[in-house]
């Protein structure tokens, strides 16, 4: 159990190192932070913090930096993170307002904004239902023997594919077919549509139903695993991120995404260094949150950066951007 002053010293070391990237000495703490004790007393506190694994000394004579355990203590005892400044909140809200009807833009905008706000890499997944449900389909005539099938699923994402026709059909007939199937399939999942499609009276209805089922299942498989990263350049610009190992880590994340074990089922999660139990991620920290209309539809949003991350700002930014996504999804489902 740390004493009040030892906790103060650890917070000072953490804040100072996060801000400057320079190891923090006992002289700096005693001189600049009003603890009203000598640098020798601060050195004794730092010695205990080092013994307990809260801080590290890159060199014997150098100042101290937080360890993963030290950062964890800093995050757990941090005052409630300050909200983003009003002007940044307004900017974020305005940009989301501009694309609120364009669901395809949500994920890209969220990733871009988080990178800019935190100077870290960002990650976002598309909101995904545990079992995708059908909302609407449309058929657009492209040629006498070819139509475009457009399907909207519960997550409000649009999917489309070409649909060959065995006989020529006018747009009016395609509209009637779409209306009939929309009435029959509203709110159903792929398995239910597949069951209903057995023995339909119209061959075209059966062909469309098969295409919808295939599209729904393919979309679910793709989107469940799809993590969009943005802004690696922000993270790699940090001096401690210049090593070859970190660049290899970036390649691994781009190729494989994050392990499922690290993704929060609900709420916000902060993962620091070795807490991930993934060797490739040891130089990094993650602030990740779920968002959506829980439990029906859920996505993941967060940032990835060095353990010397500005945790308060990262937490605030992730929370605020996730709130914007929650609002947009709520408007769709209301």
Protein backbone atom coordinates (compact mmCIF):
# COMPACT_ATOMS: atom_id res chain seq x y z
CA UNK A 1 0.00 0.00 0.00
CA UNK A 2 1.50 3.31 -1.07
CA UNK A 3 1.49 6.27 1.28
CA UNK A 4 -0.19 9.50 0.20
CA UNK A 5 3.16 11.12 -0.65
CA UNK A 6 4.42 8.08 -2.55
CA UNK A 7 1.21 8.13 -4.59
CA UNK A 8 1.80 11.83 -5.26
CA UNK A 9 5.36 11.13 -6.40
CA UNK A 10 4.13 8.39 -8.75
CA UNK A 11 1.48 10.69 -10.24
CA UNK A 12 4.07 13.41 -10.75
CA UNK A 13 6.48 11.01 -12.47
CA UNK A 14 3.67 9.70 -14.69
CA UNK A 15 2.34 13.13 -15.70
CA UNK A 16 5.80 14.60 -16.23
CA UNK A 17 7.04 11.70 -18.34
CA UNK A 18 3.84 11.56 -20.40
CA UNK A 19 4.23 15.27 -21.14
CA UNK A 20 7.98 15.48 -21.79
CA UNK A 21 9.19 11.98 -22.56
CA UNK A 22 12.18 12.69 -20.30
CA UNK A 23 12.94 10.53 -17.22
CA UNK A 24 12.01 12.43 -14.05
CA UNK A 25 14.59 13.10 -11.32
CA UNK A 26 14.02 13.56 -7.59
CA UNK A 27 15.45 17.09 -7.84
CA UNK A 28 12.80 18.10 -10.40
CA UNK A 29 10.02 16.70 -8.19
CA UNK A 30 11.30 18.34 -4.97
CA UNK A 31 11.93 21.70 -6.69
CA UNK A 32 8.83 22.06 -8.86
CA UNK A 33 5.90 20.36 -7.18
CA UNK A 34 5.61 21.83 -3.71
CA UNK A 35 5.84 18.62 -1.72
CA UNK A 36 7.74 20.48 1.03
CA UNK A 37 10.31 17.70 1.41
CA UNK A 38 13.95 17.39 0.38
CA UNK A 39 15.13 15.68 -2.77
CA UNK A 40 16.66 13.00 -0.49
CA UNK A 41 13.19 12.18 0.86
CA UNK A 42 11.83 12.03 -2.67
CA UNK A 43 14.70 9.69 -3.63
CA UNK A 44 13.70 7.37 -0.78
CA UNK A 45 10.10 7.36 -2.02
CA UNK A 46 11.32 6.65 -5.54
CA UNK A 47 13.47 3.80 -4.29
CA UNK A 48 10.42 2.17 -2.72
CA UNK A 49 8.37 2.75 -5.87
CA UNK A 50 11.11 1.05 -7.88
CA UNK A 51 11.28 -1.89 -5.47
CA UNK A 52 7.49 -2.30 -5.73
CA UNK A 53 7.64 -2.24 -9.53
CA UNK A 54 5.86 1.06 -10.11
CA UNK A 55 8.78 2.86 -11.76
CA UNK A 56 11.87 1.99 -13.77
CA UNK A 57 15.25 3.68 -14.17
CA UNK A 58 16.58 3.45 -17.75
CA UNK A 59 20.06 4.06 -16.30
CA UNK A 60 21.28 3.85 -12.71
CA UNK A 61 22.01 7.57 -12.45
CA UNK A 62 19.04 8.68 -14.54
CA UNK A 63 15.58 9.77 -13.51
CA UNK A 64 12.61 7.45 -13.37
CA UNK A 65 9.82 6.49 -15.77
CA UNK A 66 6.59 4.64 -14.98
CA UNK A 67 6.40 0.89 -15.48
CA UNK A 68 3.24 -0.78 -16.77
CA UNK A 69 2.20 -1.19 -13.13
CA UNK A 70 2.89 2.48 -12.51
CA UNK A 71 0.77 3.53 -15.47
CA UNK A 72 -2.02 1.25 -14.23
CA UNK A 73 -1.91 2.91 -10.81
CA UNK A 74 -1.92 6.32 -12.50
CA UNK A 75 -4.98 5.47 -14.59
CA UNK A 76 -6.88 3.89 -11.70
CA UNK A 77 -6.30 6.86 -9.38
CA UNK A 78 -6.69 9.54 -12.03
CA UNK A 79 -9.34 12.17 -11.43
CA UNK A 80 -12.26 11.88 -13.81
CA UNK A 81 -10.79 12.66 -17.24
CA UNK A 82 -11.62 16.16 -18.35
CA UNK A 83 -14.06 16.43 -21.21
CA UNK A 84 -12.78 17.54 -24.57
CA UNK A 85 -12.77 21.35 -24.87
CA UNK A 86 -16.09 22.78 -26.05
CA UNK A 87 -14.69 23.81 -29.43
CA UNK A 88 -13.46 20.27 -30.13
CA UNK A 89 -16.79 18.79 -29.07
CA UNK A 90 -18.54 21.20 -31.44
CA UNK A 91 -16.16 20.30 -34.28
CA UNK A 92 -16.69 16.56 -33.80
CA UNK A 93 -20.49 16.91 -33.51
CA UNK A 94 -20.61 19.12 -36.61
CA UNK A 95 -18.61 16.66 -38.72
CA UNK A 96 -20.82 13.75 -37.67
CA UNK A 97 -23.91 15.84 -38.38
CA UNK A 98 -22.67 16.35 -41.94
CA UNK A 99 -22.51 12.59 -42.59
CA UNK A 100 -25.37 11.38 -40.38
CA UNK A 101 -27.35 10.11 -43.38
CA UNK A 102 -24.33 8.46 -44.98
CA UNK A 103 -23.73 5.37 -42.86
CA UNK A 104 -20.77 4.29 -44.97
CA UNK A 105 -18.88 7.38 -43.76
CA UNK A 106 -19.34 6.85 -40.03
CA UNK A 107 -16.52 4.41 -39.37
CA UNK A 108 -13.96 6.28 -41.49
CA UNK A 109 -14.82 9.61 -39.88
CA UNK A 110 -14.64 8.15 -36.36
CA UNK A 111 -11.21 6.65 -37.04
CA UNK A 112 -9.89 9.87 -38.60
CA UNK A 113 -11.14 12.07 -35.76
CA UNK A 114 -9.72 9.87 -33.01
CA UNK A 115 -6.30 9.91 -34.65
CA UNK A 116 -6.34 13.71 -34.86
CA UNK A 117 -7.64 14.18 -31.31
CA UNK A 118 -5.21 11.84 -29.56
CA UNK A 119 -2.16 11.76 -31.89
CA UNK A 120 -2.39 7.97 -31.63
CA UNK A 121 -3.45 5.34 -34.10
CA UNK A 122 -7.18 4.67 -33.97
CA UNK A 123 -9.24 1.56 -34.53
CA UNK A 124 -12.93 1.17 -35.32
CA UNK A 125 -15.16 -1.72 -36.29
CA UNK A 126 -18.45 -1.42 -38.09
CA UNK A 127 -21.43 -1.94 -35.70
CA UNK A 128 -22.43 -5.56 -36.03
CA UNK A 129 -25.52 -7.39 -34.85
CA UNK A 130 -24.99 -10.76 -33.23
CA UNK A 131 -27.32 -12.08 -35.93
CA UNK A 132 -27.85 -9.74 -38.89
CA UNK A 133 -31.47 -8.99 -39.65
CA UNK A 134 -33.05 -8.01 -42.93
CA UNK A 135 -34.50 -4.49 -43.22
CA UNK A 136 -35.12 -3.72 -46.87
CA UNK A 137 -34.27 -4.66 -50.44
CA UNK A 138 -34.59 -2.85 -53.72
CA UNK A 139 -34.33 -3.97 -57.35
CA UNK A 140 -33.12 -1.62 -60.06
CA UNK A 141 -33.36 -2.55 -63.72
CA UNK A 142 -30.02 -2.19 -65.52
CA UNK A 143 -30.84 -4.16 -68.67
CA UNK A 144 -33.67 -6.36 -69.90
CA UNK A 145 -31.89 -9.38 -68.37
CA UNK A 146 -29.98 -7.74 -65.51
CA UNK A 147 -30.95 -5.99 -62.27
CA UNK A 148 -29.10 -4.56 -59.30
CA UNK A 149 -30.07 -6.09 -55.96
CA UNK A 150 -29.68 -3.62 -53.08
CA UNK A 151 -30.04 -4.92 -49.51
CA UNK A 152 -30.07 -2.94 -46.26
CA UNK A 153 -29.43 -4.91 -43.07
CA UNK A 154 -30.20 -4.06 -39.46
CA UNK A 155 -26.86 -2.26 -39.03
CA UNK A 156 -27.95 0.26 -41.70
CA UNK A 157 -25.15 -0.75 -44.04
CA UNK A 158 -26.00 -1.09 -47.70
CA UNK A 159 -24.97 -4.12 -49.77
CA UNK A 160 -25.48 -4.69 -53.45
CA UNK A 161 -24.80 -7.19 -56.20
CA UNK A 162 -25.80 -7.86 -59.79
CA UNK A 163 -28.76 -10.18 -60.32
CA UNK A 164 -29.11 -11.95 -63.71
CA UNK A 165 -32.71 -12.37 -64.91
CA UNK A 166 -33.91 -15.42 -66.82
CA UNK A 167 -36.55 -13.35 -68.59
CA UNK A 168 -36.88 -9.62 -69.26
CA UNK A 169 -38.62 -7.62 -66.52
CA UNK A 170 -39.73 -4.02 -66.43
CA UNK A 171 -38.95 -1.81 -63.43
CA UNK A 172 -42.59 -1.92 -62.37
CA UNK A 173 -42.49 -5.71 -62.06
CA UNK A 174 -39.21 -5.53 -60.13
CA UNK A 175 -40.76 -3.02 -57.72
CA UNK A 176 -43.71 -5.36 -57.11
CA UNK A 177 -41.32 -8.25 -56.40
CA UNK A 178 -39.29 -6.14 -53.98
CA UNK A 179 -42.43 -4.99 -52.14
CA UNK A 180 -43.63 -8.60 -51.76
CA UNK A 181 -40.31 -9.80 -50.35
CA UNK A 182 -39.89 -6.77 -48.07
CA UNK A 183 -43.24 -7.56 -46.49
CA UNK A 184 -42.32 -11.22 -46.02
CA UNK A 185 -38.75 -10.86 -44.76
CA UNK A 186 -38.78 -7.72 -42.59
CA UNK A 187 -36.82 -8.39 -39.37
CA UNK A 188 -35.78 -11.95 -40.27
CA UNK A 189 -32.26 -13.37 -40.09
CA UNK A 190 -30.54 -15.38 -42.81
CA UNK A 191 -31.64 -18.78 -41.50
CA UNK A 192 -35.28 -17.69 -41.28
CA UNK A 193 -35.23 -16.28 -44.80
CA UNK A 194 -33.64 -19.50 -46.05
CA UNK A 195 -36.47 -21.51 -44.48
CA UNK A 196 -39.17 -19.27 -45.94
CA UNK A 197 -37.60 -19.39 -49.39
CA UNK A 198 -38.28 -23.10 -49.73
CA UNK A 199 -40.90 -23.67 -52.42
CA UNK A 200 -41.77 -20.05 -53.20
CA UNK A 201 -44.32 -19.65 -55.96
CA UNK A 202 -42.16 -17.37 -58.11
CA UNK A 203 -38.73 -18.57 -59.36
CA UNK A 204 -37.41 -15.01 -59.23
CA UNK A 205 -38.42 -14.72 -55.54
CA UNK A 206 -36.47 -17.87 -54.77
CA UNK A 207 -33.39 -16.65 -56.68
CA UNK A 208 -33.48 -13.28 -54.89
CA UNK A 209 -33.92 -14.99 -51.52
CA UNK A 210 -30.88 -17.19 -52.11
CA UNK A 211 -28.84 -14.13 -53.09
CA UNK A 212 -29.99 -12.23 -49.97
CA UNK A 213 -29.07 -15.14 -47.67
CA UNK A 214 -25.62 -15.47 -49.24
CA UNK A 215 -25.04 -11.72 -49.05
CA UNK A 216 -26.14 -11.55 -45.39
CA UNK A 217 -23.85 -14.36 -44.32
CA UNK A 218 -20.90 -13.05 -46.28
CA UNK A 219 -21.40 -9.56 -44.86
CA UNK A 220 -21.56 -10.86 -41.29
CA UNK A 221 -18.34 -12.84 -41.66
CA UNK A 222 -16.49 -9.92 -43.23
CA UNK A 223 -17.70 -7.17 -40.94
CA UNK A 224 -17.30 -9.13 -37.69
CA UNK A 225 -13.56 -9.36 -38.30
CA UNK A 226 -13.05 -5.99 -40.00
CA UNK A 227 -11.08 -3.52 -37.90
CA UNK A 228 -10.22 -0.24 -39.58
CA UNK A 229 -6.96 1.35 -38.38
CA UNK A 230 -6.09 4.96 -39.04
CA UNK A 231 -3.22 7.29 -38.23
CA UNK A 232 -0.25 4.99 -37.70
CA UNK A 233 1.92 7.98 -38.60
CA UNK A 234 0.80 9.76 -35.42
CA UNK A 235 1.94 6.86 -33.26
CA UNK A 236 5.15 6.16 -35.14
CA UNK A 237 6.16 9.81 -34.79
CA UNK A 238 6.66 9.26 -31.05
CA UNK A 239 10.39 8.84 -30.28
CA UNK A 240 9.94 5.52 -28.45
CA UNK A 241 8.07 4.10 -31.45
CA UNK A 242 10.97 4.34 -33.88
CA UNK A 243 12.23 0.76 -33.47
CA UNK A 244 11.91 -2.04 -36.01
CA UNK A 245 9.93 -4.16 -33.52
CA UNK A 246 7.15 -1.59 -33.34
CA UNK A 247 6.84 -1.43 -37.11
CA UNK A 248 6.55 -5.21 -37.13
CA UNK A 249 3.79 -4.89 -34.53
CA UNK A 250 1.93 -2.49 -36.83
CA UNK A 251 2.19 -5.00 -39.66
CA UNK A 252 0.81 -7.75 -37.40
CA UNK A 253 -2.14 -5.59 -36.33
CA UNK A 254 -2.93 -4.59 -39.90
CA UNK A 255 -2.85 -8.20 -41.01
CA UNK A 256 -4.57 -9.95 -38.06
CA UNK A 257 -6.38 -7.22 -36.13
CA UNK A 258 -6.66 -7.31 -32.35
CA UNK A 259 -7.11 -10.57 -30.42
CA UNK A 260 -10.76 -11.07 -29.49
CA UNK A 261 -9.74 -11.43 -25.83
CA UNK A 262 -8.79 -7.73 -25.74
CA UNK A 263 -12.09 -6.41 -27.08
CA UNK A 264 -14.51 -5.18 -24.40
CA UNK A 265 -17.93 -6.80 -24.32
CA UNK A 266 -19.31 -3.61 -22.77
CA UNK A 267 -18.02 -0.22 -21.67
CA UNK A 268 -14.47 1.12 -21.87
CA UNK A 269 -11.24 -0.76 -21.27
CA UNK A 270 -7.65 0.46 -20.83
CA UNK A 271 -4.93 -2.10 -21.59
CA UNK A 272 -1.36 -1.15 -20.74
CA UNK A 273 1.73 -2.82 -22.15
CA UNK A 274 2.15 -6.43 -21.03
CA UNK A 275 -1.41 -6.55 -19.67
CA UNK A 276 -2.39 -7.56 -23.21
CA UNK A 277 -0.45 -10.84 -22.78
CA UNK A 278 0.47 -10.46 -26.45
CA UNK A 279 4.23 -10.04 -26.82
CA UNK A 280 3.87 -7.98 -30.00
CA UNK A 281 1.76 -5.42 -28.10
CA UNK A 282 4.04 -4.96 -25.07
CA UNK A 283 5.30 -1.50 -26.22
CA UNK A 284 1.72 -0.29 -26.63
CA UNK A 285 -1.34 0.74 -24.67
CA UNK A 286 -4.92 0.62 -25.86
CA UNK A 287 -8.03 2.54 -24.85
CA UNK A 288 -10.99 0.64 -26.32
CA UNK A 289 -14.73 1.04 -25.91
CA UNK A 290 -17.78 -0.73 -27.20
CA UNK A 291 -20.52 1.36 -28.77
CA UNK A 292 -23.90 0.77 -30.34
CA UNK A 293 -27.38 -0.27 -29.28
CA UNK A 294 -26.44 -2.93 -26.77
CA UNK A 295 -26.90 -5.83 -26.87
CA UNK A 296 -28.51 -5.88 -30.33
CA UNK A 297 -25.82 -4.03 -32.31
CA UNK A 298 -22.25 -3.46 -31.16
CA UNK A 299 -19.03 -2.05 -32.55
CA UNK A 300 -15.57 -1.32 -31.12
CA UNK A 301 -13.76 2.01 -31.13
CA UNK A 302 -10.44 2.99 -29.59
CA UNK A 303 -6.86 4.18 -29.87
CA UNK A 304 -3.48 2.48 -29.88
CA UNK A 305 -0.34 4.28 -28.78
CA UNK A 306 2.83 4.04 -26.74
CA UNK A 307 2.50 3.29 -23.03
CA UNK A 308 3.49 6.96 -22.62
CA UNK A 309 0.00 7.83 -23.80
CA UNK A 310 -1.99 10.84 -22.61
CA UNK A 311 -4.53 8.54 -20.96
CA UNK A 312 -6.93 11.23 -19.77
CA UNK A 313 -7.33 12.76 -23.22
CA UNK A 314 -7.50 9.36 -24.93
CA UNK A 315 -10.28 8.20 -22.60
CA UNK A 316 -12.21 11.45 -23.09
CA UNK A 317 -11.87 11.35 -26.88
CA UNK A 318 -12.89 7.70 -27.17
CA UNK A 319 -15.92 8.29 -24.94
CA UNK A 320 -17.07 11.37 -26.86
CA UNK A 321 -16.69 9.87 -30.34
CA UNK A 322 -18.45 6.67 -29.21
CA UNK A 323 -21.32 8.83 -27.91
CA UNK A 324 -21.67 10.36 -31.38
CA UNK A 325 -21.89 6.90 -32.94
CA UNK A 326 -24.41 5.84 -30.30
CA UNK A 327 -26.55 8.86 -31.21
CA UNK A 328 -26.48 8.10 -34.92
CA UNK A 329 -27.42 4.46 -34.36
CA UNK A 330 -30.19 5.42 -31.94
CA UNK A 331 -31.72 7.66 -34.59
CA UNK A 332 -31.81 4.74 -37.00
CA UNK A 333 -33.43 2.37 -34.53
CA UNK A 334 -35.90 4.84 -32.98
